[in-house]
Every structure is written in structure tokens, then in C-alpha cells.
Protein backbone atom coordinates (compact mmCIF):
# COMPACT_ATOMS: atom_id res chain seq x y z
CA MET A 1 0.00 0.00 0.00
CA LEU A 2 2.84 2.37 0.82
CA VAL A 3 4.32 1.84 -2.65
CA SER A 4 1.21 3.22 -4.32
CA TYR A 5 1.43 6.40 -2.24
CA LEU A 6 5.10 7.09 -2.97
CA PRO A 7 4.43 9.00 -6.24
CA LEU A 8 1.99 11.22 -4.35
CA LEU A 9 4.56 11.81 -1.63
CA TYR A 10 7.20 12.60 -4.26
CA SER A 11 5.01 15.16 -6.02
CA GLY A 12 4.23 16.76 -2.67
CA LEU A 13 7.91 16.97 -1.78
CA VAL A 14 8.72 18.49 -5.19
CA PHE A 15 6.02 21.10 -4.58
CA SER A 16 7.34 21.76 -1.09
CA GLN A 17 10.67 22.87 -2.57
CA GLN A 18 8.89 26.05 -3.72
CA ILE A 19 7.90 26.94 -0.15
CA THR A 20 9.99 29.04 2.21
CA PHE A 21 10.17 26.97 5.36
CA THR A 22 9.28 28.60 8.64
CA ALA A 23 8.26 26.91 11.89
CA ARG A 24 4.63 27.51 10.97
CA ASN A 25 4.97 25.90 7.53
CA ILE A 26 6.86 22.92 8.92
CA TYR A 27 4.02 22.14 11.33
CA ARG A 28 1.49 22.50 8.52
CA LEU A 29 3.42 20.01 6.41
CA ALA A 30 4.87 17.55 8.91
CA LEU A 31 1.96 16.80 11.23
CA PRO A 32 -0.48 15.43 8.60
CA LEU A 33 2.38 13.63 6.84
CA PHE A 34 3.64 11.87 9.97
CA VAL A 35 0.14 10.97 11.20
CA GLY A 36 -0.70 9.50 7.79
CA ILE A 37 2.52 7.48 7.59
CA PHE A 38 2.04 6.27 11.17
CA LEU A 39 -1.48 5.04 10.41
CA MET A 40 -0.35 3.26 7.24
CA GLY A 41 2.18 1.27 9.27
CA LEU A 42 -0.16 0.53 12.16
CA PRO A 43 -1.08 -3.16 12.48
CA PRO A 44 -4.81 -3.86 11.90
CA VAL A 45 -5.05 -5.44 15.35
CA TYR A 46 -4.95 -1.98 16.95
CA LEU A 47 -8.02 -0.87 15.01
CA GLN A 48 -10.21 -3.90 15.77
CA ASP A 49 -11.98 -2.27 18.70
CA LEU A 50 -13.12 0.74 16.66
CA PRO A 51 -16.70 0.81 15.38
CA LEU A 52 -17.09 -0.91 12.03
CA MET A 53 -18.34 2.29 10.39
CA ILE A 54 -15.21 4.36 11.05
CA ARG A 55 -12.57 1.62 10.95
CA PRO A 56 -11.92 1.90 7.17
CA LEU A 57 -11.65 5.67 7.42
CA LEU A 58 -9.15 5.71 10.29
CA SER A 59 -7.07 2.88 8.85
CA ASN A 60 -6.42 4.84 5.64
CA GLY A 61 -3.37 7.01 6.33
CA LEU A 62 -3.77 9.06 3.15
CA LEU A 63 -7.35 9.97 3.96
CA VAL A 64 -6.58 10.86 7.57
CA GLY A 65 -3.58 12.95 6.50
CA ILE A 66 -5.66 14.89 3.98
CA LEU A 67 -8.49 15.43 6.45
CA LEU A 68 -6.05 16.55 9.13
CA ALA A 69 -4.38 19.00 6.73
CA VAL A 70 -7.74 20.47 5.68
CA LEU A 71 -8.92 20.75 9.29
CA MET A 72 -5.67 22.35 10.42
CA GLU A 73 -5.79 24.84 7.56
CA ASN A 74 -9.35 25.89 8.33
CA LEU A 75 -9.43 25.75 12.13
CA ILE A 76 -6.03 27.07 13.19
CA PRO A 77 -5.46 30.83 12.72
CA TRP A 78 -2.01 30.45 11.10
CA GLU A 79 -1.62 34.16 10.35
CA ARG A 80 -1.56 34.92 14.10
CA ILE A 81 1.15 32.32 14.79
CA LYS A 82 4.71 33.57 14.34
């Protein structure tokens, strides 16, 4: 599964070369990326106790990473953070 996401990760990293990195931008990039990669490597045993309806959503690292990035972008007032 990770192999199919590597081209997406590569295109994201190529795009990130155009960004001037500040502490704020690093958090915006790294947190969803690391959470998504962590969930992709998580054994399915850890997700067995979750309700059947949300188990496929939380076991998909790409989906959780995208949702986390969108939520962070819309809920955190980044312009006030130095």
C-alpha cells in the first residue's frame, strides 16, 4: 500500500521545494504527513476495537492525513502564529 502512495509523496515533496520553510509551515506540512505514515504502518489489530463504520476511514493514512491538513488549515489561525 505504501508503494502506491510514494508517487503522491514525491510530487508533494517536489512542490514543497517552492515553499519558504518557517516553523509555521513545517508544522502544517509535517503533522499530517507523519500521522498519515504512522497510520499506514499501524497493524490492523490496533483498530479492531473501533466501530465498524469508522474503521476503514481511520485505517487509511492518506485519507486521515488529507483530512487533518484540511482541518488544520481551516481551524487554526495560522496568520496569528509567528
